[in-house]
Amino acid sequence: MAAAAAGLTLLAALLIVPAPAVLARARWVSSEPRAALVLWQAVGLSAGLAAVGAGLAVSLRPLGPSLPAALARVLAGDLRVRLGPLHLVLLALALLLLVWLLGVTALSAARTWRVRRRHRELIDLVSTPGPTTSRVIDHPAAAAYCLPGGGSRVVVTTGALGLLSEAELDAVLAHEN
């Protein structure tokens, strides 16, 4: 289990420090924002899980030869081998990190859903039904975008409607949908 803990610690360190710096300097992210966002989230998730796994592997080492074996022993209630104070502190830190990461994730998701819902409500208040299932906002600037999520909305401005031919508008709406 020591090798697993060392490997997870090294992985977490690499994903926390150099990986975000490399991603921040990458030139391709502006042309592929969705892929960059998914990669950024995957790096963050992997770093968090590696850090929690390393903490668990070190703290539960006295309970078994591997992390799954130690966790199985804990879940079965077989705690004949006692954890020392250092192991208990490391276990508490690993669990606190896990709770913190899950809490930040839940809070971020709740905020995102709330902001998107509020944005959809505001769009419904200031817009009128447009072509197909879109909503039209009276504004001279040309813009078209999609509000994702449950009850998604495609929003088009009157400025965009004035500039686009019917075929171009169909292409924009298809893209946003």
Protein backbone atom coordinates (compact mmCIF):
# COMPACT_ATOMS: atom_id res chain seq x y z
CA MET A 1 0.00 0.00 0.00
CA ALA A 2 3.01 2.29 0.45
CA ALA A 3 3.66 2.23 -3.30
CA ALA A 4 0.02 3.10 -4.00
CA ALA A 5 0.15 5.99 -1.54
CA ALA A 6 3.38 7.28 -3.07
CA GLY A 7 1.97 6.97 -6.59
CA LEU A 8 -1.26 8.74 -5.64
CA THR A 9 0.67 11.50 -3.87
CA LEU A 10 2.89 12.01 -6.91
CA LEU A 11 -0.14 12.01 -9.22
CA ALA A 12 -1.96 14.56 -7.04
CA ALA A 13 1.12 16.80 -6.93
CA LEU A 14 1.52 16.68 -10.72
CA LEU A 15 -2.15 17.39 -11.30
CA ILE A 16 -2.28 20.23 -8.77
CA VAL A 17 0.83 22.16 -9.83
CA PRO A 18 2.20 21.62 -13.36
CA ALA A 19 -0.92 20.32 -15.15
CA PRO A 20 -3.03 23.49 -14.67
CA ALA A 21 -0.05 25.67 -15.64
CA VAL A 22 0.43 23.69 -18.87
CA LEU A 23 -3.29 23.85 -19.63
CA ALA A 24 -3.40 27.60 -18.96
CA ARG A 25 -0.61 28.17 -21.51
CA ALA A 26 -2.06 25.85 -24.16
CA ARG A 27 -2.96 27.62 -27.41
CA TRP A 28 -5.66 25.18 -28.46
CA VAL A 29 -8.04 25.97 -25.58
CA SER A 30 -9.50 29.04 -27.30
CA SER A 31 -10.44 27.01 -30.35
CA GLU A 32 -11.76 24.04 -28.33
CA PRO A 33 -13.34 25.55 -25.18
CA ARG A 34 -15.61 22.59 -24.46
CA ALA A 35 -12.72 20.10 -24.60
CA ALA A 36 -10.59 22.45 -22.49
CA LEU A 37 -13.33 22.75 -19.88
CA VAL A 38 -13.82 18.99 -19.73
CA LEU A 39 -10.06 18.45 -19.44
CA TRP A 40 -9.77 21.13 -16.74
CA GLN A 41 -12.57 19.48 -14.74
CA ALA A 42 -11.05 16.02 -15.24
CA VAL A 43 -7.67 17.25 -14.00
CA GLY A 44 -9.28 18.80 -10.92
CA LEU A 45 -11.37 15.72 -10.18
CA SER A 46 -8.38 13.42 -10.65
CA ALA A 47 -6.19 15.56 -8.39
CA GLY A 48 -8.82 15.60 -5.65
CA LEU A 49 -9.45 11.86 -5.84
CA ALA A 50 -5.70 11.12 -5.90
CA ALA A 51 -5.15 13.29 -2.81
CA VAL A 52 -8.02 11.64 -0.94
CA GLY A 53 -6.83 8.19 -2.04
CA ALA A 54 -3.27 8.91 -0.89
CA GLY A 55 -4.52 10.07 2.50
CA LEU A 56 -6.70 6.98 2.87
CA ALA A 57 -3.91 4.64 1.73
CA VAL A 58 -1.46 6.05 4.28
CA SER A 59 -3.94 6.31 7.14
CA LEU A 60 -5.44 2.84 6.68
CA ARG A 61 -2.15 1.06 6.01
CA PRO A 62 -2.16 -0.80 9.37
CA LEU A 63 -5.53 -2.37 8.47
CA GLY A 64 -4.51 -4.26 5.35
CA PRO A 65 -2.10 -4.78 2.47
CA SER A 66 -4.20 -2.71 0.04
CA LEU A 67 -6.66 0.14 0.22
CA PRO A 68 -9.63 -2.04 -0.87
CA ALA A 69 -8.72 -4.67 1.74
CA ALA A 70 -8.40 -2.03 4.47
CA LEU A 71 -11.70 -0.39 3.48
CA ALA A 72 -13.43 -3.78 3.40
CA ARG A 73 -12.14 -4.45 6.89
CA VAL A 74 -13.39 -1.07 8.12
CA LEU A 75 -16.81 -1.57 6.49
CA ALA A 76 -17.07 -5.05 8.00
CA GLY A 77 -16.42 -3.58 11.44
CA ASP A 78 -13.23 -5.63 11.92
CA LEU A 79 -11.03 -3.12 13.75
CA ARG A 80 -8.90 -5.46 15.84
CA VAL A 81 -5.84 -3.53 14.71
CA ARG A 82 -6.01 -0.03 16.14
CA LEU A 83 -4.92 3.01 14.19
CA GLY A 84 -2.31 5.19 15.84
CA PRO A 85 -2.75 8.95 16.42
CA LEU A 86 -0.90 9.88 13.22
CA HIS A 87 -3.03 7.49 11.17
CA LEU A 88 -6.20 8.90 12.73
CA VAL A 89 -5.13 12.47 11.94
CA LEU A 90 -4.35 11.51 8.32
CA LEU A 91 -7.66 9.69 8.06
CA ALA A 92 -9.50 12.74 9.39
CA LEU A 93 -7.67 15.00 6.93
CA ALA A 94 -8.48 12.71 4.00
CA LEU A 95 -12.14 12.55 4.98
CA LEU A 96 -12.28 16.33 5.52
CA LEU A 97 -10.77 16.86 2.08
CA LEU A 98 -13.36 14.51 0.58
CA VAL A 99 -16.24 16.28 2.37
CA TRP A 100 -14.87 19.69 1.33
CA LEU A 101 -14.53 18.63 -2.33
CA LEU A 102 -18.05 17.17 -2.37
CA GLY A 103 -19.42 20.29 -0.66
CA VAL A 104 -17.74 22.64 -3.14
CA THR A 105 -19.06 20.53 -6.00
CA ALA A 106 -22.62 20.56 -4.62
CA LEU A 107 -22.50 24.29 -3.91
CA SER A 108 -21.16 25.04 -7.39
CA ALA A 109 -23.86 22.89 -9.01
CA ALA A 110 -26.61 24.53 -6.94
CA ARG A 111 -25.37 28.03 -7.81
CA THR A 112 -25.12 27.14 -11.50
CA TRP A 113 -28.66 25.73 -11.56
CA ARG A 114 -30.00 28.78 -9.69
CA VAL A 115 -28.29 31.27 -12.03
CA ARG A 116 -29.41 29.39 -15.14
CA ARG A 117 -33.00 29.20 -13.85
CA ARG A 118 -32.98 32.94 -13.08
CA HIS A 119 -31.53 33.70 -16.51
CA ARG A 120 -34.25 31.62 -18.19
CA GLU A 121 -36.92 33.44 -16.14
CA LEU A 122 -35.53 36.83 -17.16
CA ILE A 123 -35.34 35.80 -20.82
CA ASP A 124 -38.99 34.73 -20.66
CA LEU A 125 -39.93 38.13 -19.21
CA VAL A 126 -38.12 40.32 -21.76
CA SER A 127 -38.42 38.22 -24.91
CA THR A 128 -41.05 37.15 -27.39
CA PRO A 129 -41.41 33.81 -29.16
CA GLY A 130 -39.23 33.64 -32.24
CA PRO A 131 -38.54 31.27 -35.12
CA THR A 132 -38.96 27.61 -34.21
CA THR A 133 -38.46 27.36 -30.44
CA SER A 134 -36.23 30.41 -29.99
CA ARG A 135 -36.84 33.55 -27.94
CA VAL A 136 -36.25 37.02 -29.45
CA ILE A 137 -34.87 39.97 -27.49
CA ASP A 138 -35.26 43.47 -28.91
CA HIS A 139 -31.65 44.63 -29.12
CA PRO A 140 -29.65 46.11 -32.03
CA ALA A 141 -26.50 44.03 -31.41
CA ALA A 142 -26.38 40.75 -33.31
CA ALA A 143 -26.28 37.85 -30.87
CA ALA A 144 -27.52 34.29 -30.58
CA TYR A 145 -26.87 31.90 -27.72
CA CYS A 146 -28.27 28.96 -25.85
CA LEU A 147 -29.11 28.71 -22.16
CA PRO A 148 -28.36 25.07 -21.37
CA GLY A 149 -30.01 22.84 -18.82
CA GLY A 150 -33.56 21.74 -18.16
CA GLY A 151 -35.93 23.96 -20.12
CA SER A 152 -33.12 25.30 -22.30
CA ARG A 153 -33.69 28.42 -24.37
CA VAL A 154 -32.20 29.59 -27.65
CA VAL A 155 -32.03 33.39 -27.61
CA VAL A 156 -31.70 35.58 -30.72
CA THR A 157 -31.63 39.37 -30.86
CA THR A 158 -33.54 41.49 -33.37
CA GLY A 159 -30.12 42.69 -34.56
CA ALA A 160 -29.22 39.15 -35.56
CA LEU A 161 -32.60 38.61 -37.22
CA GLY A 162 -32.02 41.75 -39.30
CA LEU A 163 -28.60 40.60 -40.48
CA LEU A 164 -29.20 36.94 -41.21
CA SER A 165 -30.86 35.40 -44.21
CA GLU A 166 -33.41 32.66 -43.57
CA ALA A 167 -30.82 29.96 -44.37
CA GLU A 168 -28.24 31.60 -42.09
CA LEU A 169 -30.80 31.91 -39.28
CA ASP A 170 -31.70 28.24 -39.69
CA ALA A 171 -28.01 27.35 -39.45
CA VAL A 172 -27.54 29.50 -36.31
CA LEU A 173 -30.61 28.00 -34.64
CA ALA A 174 -29.50 24.48 -35.56
CA HIS A 175 -26.07 25.20 -34.10
CA GLU A 176 -27.49 26.59 -30.85
CA ASN A 177 -29.92 23.69 -30.51
